[in-house]
Amino acid sequence: MSITPCRDARKAVRKVAENNWVFPTPDDDLLVLDLLIVAYLPNEKGIIMDRINYALEKIVYPKHKIRINVVYNTPVAIEPLETEIAELTSIHSHLRVIKVPGSTSKADNLNYFFTLDTGADVIAVYDCDHYPHPYGPRWAIERFMSNQNIDIVQGRCVVFNTKASFLAAMVAVEFDKIYAVSHPGRAATWGFGLFAGSNGYWRAPLLRELKMDGEMLTEDIDSSLRAVARGAHTVHDLNVVSYELAPTTMPAFWKQRLRWAQGWAQASLKHLILAINKPAYGKRNFTERFGLLSLLGIRELSYYFVSQYCCLVASIIILNFPKTAPALVRLLFFQYPVAYWLFII
């Protein structure tokens, strides 16, 4: 099921290439796009100007149809950087810079922006470390134009700092598995997709209504599942590419993954009811329900079971480690304990 989205993405590229790289929708008919760059300035002060200039200069989308919005918070003034960012608005008419008062999180920044009446049809959310592919926004909007029932388009995130460390290279492999295989495959198999926090495009009315829940550790997954509860249709488009940074040190990696693990557990407990309850909007078939049960229930419990299996396997090996090669083969492949547990793991 994961191969079909890849095939569809290649087919879409081939079709545009055969048309001399002219997209199906005329520029004047495109949807109005608000592209958000969300930043916590103390952490991202070294990269934010680079990302803003990249978005302004490299993204290929009609300027009268797109607004680049820099939405940031900072506990203390950071000068002259903040002034330099603000001055860019006098040079680029499609740039808007918003310093969110009283914000302490990404959710606060986004929710503040959602209160503004910008007139956009679609809102794209990007973390500050991302480089959207120049044609990424166009591919996303073309997907909306092709099907009025699509509510969310989630793109593919690719790690670009693979040479920074072995850890970053491994994260890059993991991200390719997640964004090119798991997410599209899940959507094709179970009938629902997920917004992954960045490189995601929403129909503006839906996102303004749902907002972000600042109490959730992974507010992106929470908003995705609330969209599923609303019957929203999310697709994963492999042509909507964005390049991002991966953690390069173990402490940074641990901090990121600990938050993700806690956030997924929190979101799973909150939304597992979707597998059995009656939807407030539309219908939820058996396939989608089982997919939600698998994602929010079975997947979450599997980590705890795997921990127990590993301890059990380790105890068998430590207490009864074979002293000869035939005994090792017999333990691994012919005696039921280790063979069964390894199979289960």
C-alpha atoms as a PDB file:
ATOM      1  CA  MET A   1       0.000   0.000   0.000  1.00  0.00           C
ATOM      2  CA  SER A   2       2.968   2.313   0.507  1.00  0.00           C
ATOM      3  CA  ILE A   3       4.038   1.900  -3.116  1.00  0.00           C
ATOM      4  CA  THR A   4       0.858   3.418  -4.546  1.00  0.00           C
ATOM      5  CA  PRO A   5       1.469   6.959  -3.140  1.00  0.00           C
ATOM      6  CA  CYS A   6       5.037   6.841  -4.525  1.00  0.00           C
ATOM      7  CA  ARG A   7       3.721   5.797  -7.920  1.00  0.00           C
ATOM      8  CA  ASP A   8       1.078   8.541  -7.841  1.00  0.00           C
ATOM      9  CA  ALA A   9       3.702  11.171  -6.967  1.00  0.00           C
ATOM     10  CA  ARG A  10       5.937  10.103  -9.858  1.00  0.00           C
ATOM     11  CA  LYS A  11       2.966  10.108 -12.205  1.00  0.00           C
ATOM     12  CA  ALA A  12       2.071  13.673 -11.179  1.00  0.00           C
ATOM     13  CA  VAL A  13       5.648  14.855 -11.794  1.00  0.00           C
ATOM     14  CA  ARG A  14       5.753  13.112 -15.166  1.00  0.00           C
ATOM     15  CA  LYS A  15       2.490  14.740 -16.221  1.00  0.00           C
ATOM     16  CA  VAL A  16       3.723  18.242 -15.377  1.00  0.00           C
ATOM     17  CA  ALA A  17       7.096  17.558 -17.036  1.00  0.00           C
ATOM     18  CA  GLU A  18       5.360  16.484 -20.236  1.00  0.00           C
ATOM     19  CA  ASN A  19       3.492  19.805 -20.170  1.00  0.00           C
ATOM     20  CA  ASN A  20       6.777  21.774 -20.098  1.00  0.00           C
ATOM     21  CA  TRP A  21       6.511  22.147 -16.321  1.00  0.00           C
ATOM     22  CA  VAL A  22       3.244  24.068 -16.533  1.00  0.00           C
ATOM     23  CA  PHE A  23       0.952  23.145 -13.640  1.00  0.00           C
ATOM     24  CA  PRO A  24      -2.744  22.398 -14.293  1.00  0.00           C
ATOM     25  CA  THR A  25      -4.132  25.441 -12.424  1.00  0.00           C
ATOM     26  CA  PRO A  26      -3.600  28.951 -13.867  1.00  0.00           C
ATOM     27  CA  ASP A  27      -1.784  31.252 -11.456  1.00  0.00           C
ATOM     28  CA  ASP A  28      -4.742  33.598 -11.056  1.00  0.00           C
ATOM     29  CA  ASP A  29      -7.000  30.715 -10.010  1.00  0.00           C
ATOM     30  CA  LEU A  30      -4.734  29.433  -7.247  1.00  0.00           C
ATOM     31  CA  LEU A  31      -5.829  29.513  -3.622  1.00  0.00           C
ATOM     32  CA  VAL A  32      -4.512  32.267  -1.357  1.00  0.00           C
ATOM     33  CA  LEU A  33      -1.830  30.778   0.885  1.00  0.00           C
ATOM     34  CA  ASP A  34      -0.590  31.871   4.297  1.00  0.00           C
ATOM     35  CA  LEU A  35       2.786  30.195   4.854  1.00  0.00           C
ATOM     36  CA  LEU A  36       3.782  30.316   8.519  1.00  0.00           C
ATOM     37  CA  ILE A  37       7.350  30.137   9.811  1.00  0.00           C
ATOM     38  CA  VAL A  38       6.976  29.497  13.537  1.00  0.00           C
ATOM     39  CA  ALA A  39       9.982  30.301  15.713  1.00  0.00           C
ATOM     40  CA  TYR A  40      11.172  30.515  19.296  1.00  0.00           C
ATOM     41  CA  LEU A  41      13.743  33.207  18.776  1.00  0.00           C
ATOM     42  CA  PRO A  42      16.368  32.465  21.437  1.00  0.00           C
ATOM     43  CA  ASN A  43      16.819  28.950  20.063  1.00  0.00           C
ATOM     44  CA  GLU A  44      16.613  29.891  16.392  1.00  0.00           C
ATOM     45  CA  LYS A  45      18.190  33.313  16.252  1.00  0.00           C
ATOM     46  CA  GLY A  46      21.111  31.905  14.287  1.00  0.00           C
ATOM     47  CA  ILE A  47      18.984  30.520  11.440  1.00  0.00           C
ATOM     48  CA  ILE A  48      15.815  32.601  11.232  1.00  0.00           C
ATOM     49  CA  MET A  49      17.106  35.292   8.850  1.00  0.00           C
ATOM     50  CA  ASP A  50      18.430  32.625   6.502  1.00  0.00           C
ATOM     51  CA  ARG A  51      15.085  30.782   6.470  1.00  0.00           C
ATOM     52  CA  ILE A  52      13.088  33.996   5.921  1.00  0.00           C
ATOM     53  CA  ASN A  53      15.265  35.063   3.004  1.00  0.00           C
ATOM     54  CA  TYR A  54      15.063  31.575   1.534  1.00  0.00           C
ATOM     55  CA  ALA A  55      11.254  31.587   1.686  1.00  0.00           C
ATOM     56  CA  LEU A  56      11.078  35.051   0.139  1.00  0.00           C
ATOM     57  CA  GLU A  57      13.507  34.350  -2.681  1.00  0.00           C
ATOM     58  CA  LYS A  58      13.207  30.659  -3.517  1.00  0.00           C
ATOM     59  CA  ILE A  59       9.549  29.662  -3.198  1.00  0.00           C
ATOM     60  CA  VAL A  60       7.913  29.603  -6.617  1.00  0.00           C
ATOM     61  CA  TYR A  61       4.340  30.787  -6.137  1.00  0.00           C
ATOM     62  CA  PRO A  62       2.547  33.911  -7.417  1.00  0.00           C
ATOM     63  CA  LYS A  63       3.376  36.718  -4.970  1.00  0.00           C
ATOM     64  CA  HIS A  64      -0.181  38.068  -5.048  1.00  0.00           C
ATOM     65  CA  LYS A  65      -1.389  34.660  -3.854  1.00  0.00           C
ATOM     66  CA  ILE A  66       1.042  33.998  -0.988  1.00  0.00           C
ATOM     67  CA  ARG A  67       2.016  35.666   2.274  1.00  0.00           C
ATOM     68  CA  ILE A  68       5.085  34.626   4.228  1.00  0.00           C
ATOM     69  CA  ASN A  69       4.253  35.005   7.918  1.00  0.00           C
ATOM     70  CA  VAL A  70       7.007  34.934  10.528  1.00  0.00           C
ATOM     71  CA  VAL A  71       5.268  34.185  13.821  1.00  0.00           C
ATOM     72  CA  TYR A  72       7.661  34.157  16.754  1.00  0.00           C
ATOM     73  CA  ASN A  73       7.989  34.590  20.486  1.00  0.00           C
ATOM     74  CA  THR A  74      10.899  35.481  22.720  1.00  0.00           C
ATOM     75  CA  PRO A  75      11.146  36.016  26.485  1.00  0.00           C
ATOM     76  CA  VAL A  76      13.664  38.829  26.013  1.00  0.00           C
ATOM     77  CA  ALA A  77      14.297  41.326  23.230  1.00  0.00           C
ATOM     78  CA  ILE A  78      16.976  40.172  20.789  1.00  0.00           C
ATOM     79  CA  GLU A  79      18.439  43.127  18.944  1.00  0.00           C
ATOM     80  CA  PRO A  80      19.373  44.086  16.342  1.00  0.00           C
ATOM     81  CA  LEU A  81      17.897  40.845  14.970  1.00  0.00           C
ATOM     82  CA  GLU A  82      14.255  41.704  15.652  1.00  0.00           C
ATOM     83  CA  THR A  83      14.608  45.105  14.012  1.00  0.00           C
ATOM     84  CA  GLU A  84      16.310  43.549  10.984  1.00  0.00           C
ATOM     85  CA  ILE A  85      13.472  41.059  10.610  1.00  0.00           C
ATOM     86  CA  ALA A  86      10.839  43.787  10.899  1.00  0.00           C
ATOM     87  CA  GLU A  87      12.612  45.941   8.302  1.00  0.00           C
ATOM     88  CA  LEU A  88      12.269  43.186   5.710  1.00  0.00           C
ATOM     89  CA  THR A  89       8.550  43.965   5.502  1.00  0.00           C
ATOM     90  CA  SER A  90       9.339  47.295   3.845  1.00  0.00           C
ATOM     91  CA  ILE A  91      11.231  45.446   1.109  1.00  0.00           C
ATOM     92  CA  HIS A  92       8.910  42.490   0.588  1.00  0.00           C
ATOM     93  CA  SER A  93       5.212  43.327   0.399  1.00  0.00           C
ATOM     94  CA  HIS A  94       4.138  39.695   0.896  1.00  0.00           C
ATOM     95  CA  LEU A  95       6.025  39.334   4.194  1.00  0.00           C
ATOM     96  CA  ARG A  96       4.309  39.734   7.558  1.00  0.00           C
ATOM     97  CA  VAL A  97       6.235  39.613  10.868  1.00  0.00           C
ATOM     98  CA  ILE A  98       4.286  38.944  14.054  1.00  0.00           C
ATOM     99  CA  LYS A  99       5.801  38.944  17.532  1.00  0.00           C
ATOM    100  CA  VAL A 100       3.265  37.150  19.703  1.00  0.00           C
ATOM    101  CA  PRO A 101       2.761  38.822  23.089  1.00  0.00           C
ATOM    102  CA  GLY A 102       2.779  36.569  26.141  1.00  0.00           C
ATOM    103  CA  SER A 103       3.513  33.419  24.142  1.00  0.00           C
ATOM    104  CA  THR A 104       5.436  30.551  25.690  1.00  0.00           C
ATOM    105  CA  SER A 105       4.966  27.877  23.023  1.00  0.00           C
ATOM    106  CA  LYS A 106       4.430  27.021  19.380  1.00  0.00           C
ATOM    107  CA  ALA A 107       0.751  26.434  20.140  1.00  0.00           C
ATOM    108  CA  ASP A 108       0.430  29.962  21.540  1.00  0.00           C
ATOM    109  CA  ASN A 109       2.048  31.406  18.425  1.00  0.00           C
ATOM    110  CA  LEU A 110      -0.249  29.515  16.091  1.00  0.00           C
ATOM    111  CA  ASN A 111      -3.421  30.209  18.044  1.00  0.00           C
ATOM    112  CA  TYR A 112      -2.638  33.923  18.064  1.00  0.00           C
ATOM    113  CA  PHE A 113      -2.226  33.895  14.294  1.00  0.00           C
ATOM    114  CA  PHE A 114      -5.509  32.019  13.880  1.00  0.00           C
ATOM    115  CA  THR A 115      -7.340  34.954  15.458  1.00  0.00           C
ATOM    116  CA  LEU A 116      -6.222  37.235  12.614  1.00  0.00           C
ATOM    117  CA  ASP A 117      -8.488  37.680   9.608  1.00  0.00           C
ATOM    118  CA  THR A 118      -6.012  37.285   6.748  1.00  0.00           C
ATOM    119  CA  GLY A 119      -8.404  36.119   4.049  1.00  0.00           C
ATOM    120  CA  ALA A 120      -6.304  33.047   3.233  1.00  0.00           C
ATOM    121  CA  ASP A 121      -7.817  29.864   1.829  1.00  0.00           C
ATOM    122  CA  VAL A 122      -5.004  27.600   3.027  1.00  0.00           C
ATOM    123  CA  ILE A 123      -2.548  27.831   5.929  1.00  0.00           C
ATOM    124  CA  ALA A 124       0.824  26.070   5.779  1.00  0.00           C
ATOM    125  CA  VAL A 125       2.768  25.437   8.991  1.00  0.00           C
ATOM    126  CA  TYR A 126       6.564  25.189   9.053  1.00  0.00           C
ATOM    127  CA  ASP A 127       9.029  24.998  11.898  1.00  0.00           C
ATOM    128  CA  CYS A 128      11.848  27.520  11.613  1.00  0.00           C
ATOM    129  CA  ASP A 129      14.537  24.983  10.682  1.00  0.00           C
ATOM    130  CA  HIS A 130      12.781  23.959   7.454  1.00  0.00           C
ATOM    131  CA  TYR A 131      13.680  24.724   3.853  1.00  0.00           C
ATOM    132  CA  PRO A 132      10.502  24.084   1.824  1.00  0.00           C
ATOM    133  CA  HIS A 133      11.213  22.864  -1.674  1.00  0.00           C
ATOM    134  CA  PRO A 134      10.636  25.809  -4.049  1.00  0.00           C
ATOM    135  CA  TYR A 135       7.700  24.018  -5.673  1.00  0.00           C
ATOM    136  CA  GLY A 136       6.392  22.390  -2.478  1.00  0.00           C
ATOM    137  CA  PRO A 137       3.624  24.960  -1.873  1.00  0.00           C
ATOM    138  CA  ARG A 138       2.515  24.713  -5.512  1.00  0.00           C
ATOM    139  CA  TRP A 139       2.244  20.930  -5.350  1.00  0.00           C
ATOM    140  CA  ALA A 140       0.192  21.193  -2.148  1.00  0.00           C
ATOM    141  CA  ILE A 141      -2.226  23.749  -3.576  1.00  0.00           C
ATOM    142  CA  GLU A 142      -2.606  21.749  -6.787  1.00  0.00           C
ATOM    143  CA  ARG A 143      -3.638  18.809  -4.599  1.00  0.00           C
ATOM    144  CA  PHE A 144      -6.350  20.934  -2.993  1.00  0.00           C
ATOM    145  CA  MET A 145      -7.472  22.167  -6.409  1.00  0.00           C
ATOM    146  CA  SER A 146      -7.742  18.613  -7.708  1.00  0.00           C
ATOM    147  CA  ASN A 147     -10.151  17.501  -4.992  1.00  0.00           C
ATOM    148  CA  GLN A 148     -12.445  19.803  -3.039  1.00  0.00           C
ATOM    149  CA  ASN A 149     -12.890  17.115  -0.361  1.00  0.00           C
ATOM    150  CA  ILE A 150      -9.251  17.298   0.741  1.00  0.00           C
ATOM    151  CA  ASP A 151      -8.887  19.202   4.015  1.00  0.00           C
ATOM    152  CA  ILE A 152      -5.199  18.645   4.880  1.00  0.00           C
ATOM    153  CA  VAL A 153      -2.122  17.924   2.765  1.00  0.00           C
ATOM    154  CA  GLN A 154       0.878  16.614   4.681  1.00  0.00           C
ATOM    155  CA  GLY A 155       4.187  16.693   2.834  1.00  0.00           C
ATOM    156  CA  ARG A 156       7.376  14.683   3.073  1.00  0.00           C
ATOM    157  CA  CYS A 157      10.089  15.889   5.466  1.00  0.00           C
ATOM    158  CA  VAL A 158      13.694  15.079   4.548  1.00  0.00           C
ATOM    159  CA  VAL A 159      16.708  15.492   6.839  1.00  0.00           C
ATOM    160  CA  PHE A 160      19.481  17.476   5.145  1.00  0.00           C
ATOM    161  CA  ASN A 161      22.238  17.589   7.798  1.00  0.00           C
ATOM    162  CA  THR A 162      23.096  13.920   7.381  1.00  0.00           C
ATOM    163  CA  LYS A 163      26.846  14.566   7.444  1.00  0.00           C
ATOM    164  CA  ALA A 164      26.744  16.314  10.815  1.00  0.00           C
ATOM    165  CA  SER A 165      26.877  13.060  12.768  1.00  0.00           C
ATOM    166  CA  PHE A 166      26.117   9.356  12.548  1.00  0.00           C
ATOM    167  CA  LEU A 167      23.012   9.975  14.656  1.00  0.00           C
ATOM    168  CA  ALA A 168      21.679  12.560  12.179  1.00  0.00           C
ATOM    169  CA  ALA A 169      22.257  10.109   9.327  1.00  0.00           C
ATOM    170  CA  MET A 170      20.245   7.444  11.142  1.00  0.00           C
ATOM    171  CA  VAL A 171      17.438   9.919  11.807  1.00  0.00           C
ATOM    172  CA  ALA A 172      17.412  10.704   8.066  1.00  0.00           C
ATOM    173  CA  VAL A 173      16.827   7.025   7.303  1.00  0.00           C
ATOM    174  CA  GLU A 174      14.078   6.917   9.914  1.00  0.00           C
ATOM    175  CA  PHE A 175      12.393  10.019   8.454  1.00  0.00           C
ATOM    176  CA  ASP A 176      12.381   8.514   4.972  1.00  0.00           C
ATOM    177  CA  LYS A 177      10.720   5.437   6.398  1.00  0.00           C
ATOM    178  CA  ILE A 178       8.153   7.533   8.260  1.00  0.00           C
ATOM    179  CA  TYR A 179       7.277  10.111   5.601  1.00  0.00           C
ATOM    180  CA  ALA A 180       7.759   8.070   2.428  1.00  0.00           C
ATOM    181  CA  VAL A 181       6.430   4.723   3.667  1.00  0.00           C
ATOM    182  CA  SER A 182       4.566   4.714   6.995  1.00  0.00           C
ATOM    183  CA  HIS A 183       2.399   7.833   6.713  1.00  0.00           C
ATOM    184  CA  PRO A 184       1.316   7.341   3.074  1.00  0.00           C
ATOM    185  CA  GLY A 185       0.895   3.607   3.650  1.00  0.00           C
ATOM    186  CA  ARG A 186      -1.269   4.167   6.714  1.00  0.00           C
ATOM    187  CA  ALA A 187      -3.471   6.622   4.834  1.00  0.00           C
ATOM    188  CA  ALA A 188      -3.873   4.168   1.951  1.00  0.00           C
ATOM    189  CA  THR A 189      -4.495   1.172   4.226  1.00  0.00           C
ATOM    190  CA  TRP A 190      -6.668   2.578   6.983  1.00  0.00           C
ATOM    191  CA  GLY A 191      -8.217   5.608   5.306  1.00  0.00           C
ATOM    192  CA  PHE A 192      -6.891   8.434   7.486  1.00  0.00           C
ATOM    193  CA  GLY A 193      -3.754  10.572   7.454  1.00  0.00           C
ATOM    194  CA  LEU A 194      -1.935  12.669  10.038  1.00  0.00           C
ATOM    195  CA  PHE A 195      -0.600  16.202  10.219  1.00  0.00           C
ATOM    196  CA  ALA A 196       3.000  15.815  11.408  1.00  0.00           C
ATOM    197  CA  GLY A 197       3.605  19.291  12.832  1.00  0.00           C
ATOM    198  CA  SER A 198       5.485  20.858   9.928  1.00  0.00           C
ATOM    199  CA  ASN A 199       5.211  20.948   6.128  1.00  0.00           C
ATOM    200  CA  GLY A 200       1.467  20.565   6.541  1.00  0.00           C
ATOM    201  CA  TYR A 201      -1.222  22.504   4.657  1.00  0.00           C
ATOM    202  CA  TRP A 202      -4.729  23.014   6.075  1.00  0.00           C
ATOM    203  CA  ARG A 203      -7.860  24.547   4.723  1.00  0.00           C
ATOM    204  CA  ALA A 204      -7.904  27.743   6.735  1.00  0.00           C
ATOM    205  CA  PRO A 205     -11.451  27.534   8.177  1.00  0.00           C
ATOM    206  CA  LEU A 206     -10.803  24.054   9.609  1.00  0.00           C
ATOM    207  CA  LEU A 207      -7.495  24.987  11.223  1.00  0.00           C
ATOM    208  CA  ARG A 208      -8.869  28.225  12.644  1.00  0.00           C
ATOM    209  CA  GLU A 209     -11.721  26.269  14.183  1.00  0.00           C
ATOM    210  CA  LEU A 210      -9.662  23.424  15.668  1.00  0.00           C
ATOM    211  CA  LYS A 211      -6.644  25.515  16.718  1.00  0.00           C
ATOM    212  CA  MET A 212      -3.845  23.929  18.772  1.00  0.00           C
ATOM    213  CA  ASP A 213      -4.250  22.625  22.289  1.00  0.00           C
ATOM    214  CA  GLY A 214      -1.414  24.087  24.355  1.00  0.00           C
ATOM    215  CA  GLU A 215      -1.958  21.459  27.056  1.00  0.00           C
ATOM    216  CA  MET A 216      -0.831  18.690  24.717  1.00  0.00           C
ATOM    217  CA  LEU A 217       2.869  17.832  24.416  1.00  0.00           C
ATOM    218  CA  THR A 218       2.400  16.924  20.743  1.00  0.00           C
ATOM    219  CA  GLU A 219      -0.241  19.435  19.724  1.00  0.00           C
ATOM    220  CA  ASP A 220       0.194  18.475  16.076  1.00  0.00           C
ATOM    221  CA  ILE A 221      -0.923  14.874  16.616  1.00  0.00           C
ATOM    222  CA  ASP A 222      -3.752  16.052  18.824  1.00  0.00           C
ATOM    223  CA  SER A 223      -5.001  18.443  16.140  1.00  0.00           C
ATOM    224  CA  SER A 224      -4.691  15.657  13.551  1.00  0.00           C
ATOM    225  CA  LEU A 225      -6.836  13.313  15.586  1.00  0.00           C
ATOM    226  CA  ARG A 226      -9.393  16.015  16.299  1.00  0.00           C
ATOM    227  CA  ALA A 227      -9.531  16.529  12.540  1.00  0.00           C
ATOM    228  CA  VAL A 228     -10.116  12.780  12.117  1.00  0.00           C
ATOM    229  CA  ALA A 229     -12.942  13.055  14.637  1.00  0.00           C
ATOM    230  CA  ARG A 230     -14.431  15.805  12.463  1.00  0.00           C
ATOM    231  CA  GLY A 231     -14.296  13.548   9.430  1.00  0.00           C
ATOM    232  CA  ALA A 232     -11.561  15.632   7.756  1.00  0.00           C
ATOM    233  CA  HIS A 233      -9.744  14.098   4.806  1.00  0.00           C
ATOM    234  CA  THR A 234      -5.932  14.155   5.071  1.00  0.00           C
ATOM    235  CA  VAL A 235      -3.640  13.096   2.227  1.00  0.00           C
ATOM    236  CA  HIS A 236       0.128  12.582   2.152  1.00  0.00           C
ATOM    237  CA  ASP A 237       1.799  14.014  -0.933  1.00  0.00           C
ATOM    238  CA  LEU A 238       5.402  12.956  -1.563  1.00  0.00           C
ATOM    239  CA  ASN A 239       5.963  15.866  -3.959  1.00  0.00           C
ATOM    240  CA  VAL A 240       5.411  18.382  -1.157  1.00  0.00           C
ATOM    241  CA  VAL A 241       8.972  18.169   0.126  1.00  0.00           C
ATOM    242  CA  SER A 242      10.679  20.122   2.874  1.00  0.00           C
ATOM    243  CA  TYR A 243      14.205  19.793   4.256  1.00  0.00           C
ATOM    244  CA  GLU A 244      14.861  19.996   7.983  1.00  0.00           C
ATOM    245  CA  LEU A 245      17.508  19.560  10.652  1.00  0.00           C
ATOM    246  CA  ALA A 246      17.871  16.426  12.762  1.00  0.00           C
ATOM    247  CA  PRO A 247      19.400  16.306  16.256  1.00  0.00           C
ATOM    248  CA  THR A 248      23.134  15.742  16.065  1.00  0.00           C
ATOM    249  CA  THR A 249      23.842  14.836  19.700  1.00  0.00           C
ATOM    250  CA  MET A 250      22.397  12.193  21.976  1.00  0.00           C
ATOM    251  CA  PRO A 251      21.121  14.666  24.634  1.00  0.00           C
ATOM    252  CA  ALA A 252      19.195  16.650  21.975  1.00  0.00           C
ATOM    253  CA  PHE A 253      17.874  13.427  20.466  1.00  0.00           C
ATOM    254  CA  TRP A 254      16.803  12.101  23.873  1.00  0.00           C
ATOM    255  CA  LYS A 255      14.995  15.336  24.740  1.00  0.00           C
ATOM    256  CA  GLN A 256      13.131  15.325  21.418  1.00  0.00           C
ATOM    257  CA  ARG A 257      12.116  11.674  21.578  1.00  0.00           C
ATOM    258  CA  LEU A 258      11.110  11.834  25.232  1.00  0.00           C
ATOM    259  CA  ARG A 259       8.677  14.635  24.390  1.00  0.00           C
ATOM    260  CA  TRP A 260       7.378  12.710  21.394  1.00  0.00           C
ATOM    261  CA  ALA A 261       6.900   9.526  23.448  1.00  0.00           C
ATOM    262  CA  GLN A 262       5.087  11.347  26.232  1.00  0.00           C
ATOM    263  CA  GLY A 263       3.034  13.326  23.727  1.00  0.00           C
ATOM    264  CA  TRP A 264       1.975  10.254  21.774  1.00  0.00           C
ATOM    265  CA  ALA A 265       0.977   8.486  25.006  1.00  0.00           C
ATOM    266  CA  GLN A 266      -1.048  11.544  26.028  1.00  0.00           C
ATOM    267  CA  ALA A 267      -2.746  11.847  22.628  1.00  0.00           C
ATOM    268  CA  SER A 268      -3.409   8.093  22.456  1.00  0.00           C
ATOM    269  CA  LEU A 269      -5.154   8.072  25.819  1.00  0.00           C
ATOM    270  CA  LYS A 270      -7.245  11.074  24.830  1.00  0.00           C
ATOM    271  CA  HIS A 271      -8.295   9.876  21.383  1.00  0.00           C
ATOM    272  CA  LEU A 272      -8.436   6.066  21.614  1.00  0.00           C
ATOM    273  CA  ILE A 273     -12.189   6.448  22.031  1.00  0.00           C
ATOM    274  CA  LEU A 274     -12.326   7.285  18.297  1.00  0.00           C
ATOM    275  CA  ALA A 275     -11.967   3.566  17.584  1.00  0.00           C
ATOM    276  CA  ILE A 276     -15.354   2.794  19.127  1.00  0.00           C
ATOM    277  CA  ASN A 277     -17.436   5.933  19.546  1.00  0.00           C
ATOM    278  CA  LYS A 278     -20.072   7.308  17.202  1.00  0.00           C
ATOM    279  CA  PRO A 279     -18.598  10.105  15.085  1.00  0.00           C
ATOM    280  CA  ALA A 280     -20.191  13.528  15.423  1.00  0.00           C
ATOM    281  CA  TYR A 281     -19.599  14.120  11.706  1.00  0.00           C
ATOM    282  CA  GLY A 282     -20.127  11.605   8.907  1.00  0.00           C
ATOM    283  CA  LYS A 283     -19.364   7.913   9.245  1.00  0.00           C
ATOM    284  CA  ARG A 284     -16.351   5.927  10.414  1.00  0.00           C
ATOM    285  CA  ASN A 285     -16.064   2.486   8.836  1.00  0.00           C
ATOM    286  CA  PHE A 286     -14.543  -0.650  10.343  1.00  0.00           C
ATOM    287  CA  THR A 287     -11.243  -0.237   8.483  1.00  0.00           C
ATOM    288  CA  GLU A 288     -10.706   3.261   9.860  1.00  0.00           C
ATOM    289  CA  ARG A 289     -11.708   2.172  13.353  1.00  0.00           C
ATOM    290  CA  PHE A 290      -9.278  -0.720  13.320  1.00  0.00           C
ATOM    291  CA  GLY A 291      -6.555   1.583  12.023  1.00  0.00           C
ATOM    292  CA  LEU A 292      -7.163   3.965  14.923  1.00  0.00           C
ATOM    293  CA  LEU A 293      -7.114   1.055  17.364  1.00  0.00           C
ATOM    294  CA  SER A 294      -3.828  -0.124  15.874  1.00  0.00           C
ATOM    295  CA  LEU A 295      -2.251   3.346  15.958  1.00  0.00           C
ATOM    296  CA  LEU A 296      -3.469   4.534  19.347  1.00  0.00           C
ATOM    297  CA  GLY A 297      -3.892   1.285  21.265  1.00  0.00           C
ATOM    298  CA  ILE A 298      -1.859  -1.604  19.932  1.00  0.00           C
ATOM    299  CA  ARG A 299       1.112   0.547  18.878  1.00  0.00           C
ATOM    300  CA  GLU A 300       1.266   2.310  22.230  1.00  0.00           C
ATOM    301  CA  LEU A 301       1.051  -0.920  24.244  1.00  0.00           C
ATOM    302  CA  SER A 302       3.576  -2.694  22.031  1.00  0.00           C
ATOM    303  CA  TYR A 303       6.455  -0.623  23.421  1.00  0.00           C
ATOM    304  CA  TYR A 304       5.763  -1.836  26.948  1.00  0.00           C
ATOM    305  CA  PHE A 305       5.417  -5.446  25.790  1.00  0.00           C
ATOM    306  CA  VAL A 306       8.662  -5.269  23.830  1.00  0.00           C
ATOM    307  CA  SER A 307      10.467  -4.068  26.955  1.00  0.00           C
ATOM    308  CA  GLN A 308       9.228  -7.144  28.825  1.00  0.00           C
ATOM    309  CA  TYR A 309      10.128  -9.461  25.945  1.00  0.00           C
ATOM    310  CA  CYS A 310      13.673  -8.100  25.849  1.00  0.00           C
ATOM    311  CA  CYS A 311      14.094  -8.702  29.568  1.00  0.00           C
ATOM    312  CA  LEU A 312      12.754 -12.228  29.216  1.00  0.00           C
ATOM    313  CA  VAL A 313      15.069 -13.057  26.316  1.00  0.00           C
ATOM    314  CA  ALA A 314      18.028 -11.579  28.199  1.00  0.00           C
ATOM    315  CA  SER A 315      17.245 -13.671  31.281  1.00  0.00           C
ATOM    316  CA  ILE A 316      17.052 -16.879  29.236  1.00  0.00           C
ATOM    317  CA  ILE A 317      20.401 -16.166  27.592  1.00  0.00           C
ATOM    318  CA  ILE A 318      22.143 -15.106  30.801  1.00  0.00           C
ATOM    319  CA  LEU A 319      20.906 -17.963  32.973  1.00  0.00           C
ATOM    320  CA  ASN A 320      21.202 -20.728  30.406  1.00  0.00           C
ATOM    321  CA  PHE A 321      23.794 -19.593  27.885  1.00  0.00           C
ATOM    322  CA  PRO A 322      24.908 -22.538  25.726  1.00  0.00           C
ATOM    323  CA  LYS A 323      28.488 -23.738  25.926  1.00  0.00           C
ATOM    324  CA  THR A 324      28.669 -25.338  22.463  1.00  0.00           C
ATOM    325  CA  ALA A 325      27.653 -24.285  18.957  1.00  0.00           C
ATOM    326  CA  PRO A 326      24.972 -26.995  18.571  1.00  0.00           C
ATOM    327  CA  ALA A 327      23.502 -25.964  21.899  1.00  0.00           C
ATOM    328  CA  LEU A 328      23.391 -22.317  20.752  1.00  0.00           C
ATOM    329  CA  VAL A 329      21.582 -23.288  17.540  1.00  0.00           C
ATOM    330  CA  ARG A 330      19.170 -25.434  19.513  1.00  0.00           C
ATOM    331  CA  LEU A 331      18.472 -22.584  21.949  1.00  0.00           C
ATOM    332  CA  LEU A 332      17.871 -20.024  19.213  1.00  0.00           C
ATOM    333  CA  PHE A 333      15.905 -22.059  16.702  1.00  0.00           C
ATOM    334  CA  PHE A 334      14.548 -25.263  18.196  1.00  0.00           C
ATOM    335  CA  GLN A 335      13.719 -24.616  21.817  1.00  0.00           C
ATOM    336  CA  TYR A 336      10.508 -22.674  22.024  1.00  0.00           C
ATOM    337  CA  PRO A 337      11.403 -19.898  24.542  1.00  0.00           C
ATOM    338  CA  VAL A 338      13.891 -17.703  22.684  1.00  0.00           C
ATOM    339  CA  ALA A 339      12.615 -18.548  19.202  1.00  0.00           C
ATOM    340  CA  TYR A 340       9.066 -17.591  20.120  1.00  0.00           C
ATOM    341  CA  TRP A 341      10.015 -14.420  21.907  1.00  0.00           C
ATOM    342  CA  LEU A 342      12.334 -13.281  19.132  1.00  0.00           C
ATOM    343  CA  PHE A 343       9.523 -13.888  16.648  1.00  0.00           C
ATOM    344  CA  ILE A 344       7.094 -11.854  18.766  1.00  0.00           C
ATOM    345  CA  ILE A 345       9.575  -8.990  19.121  1.00  0.00           C
END
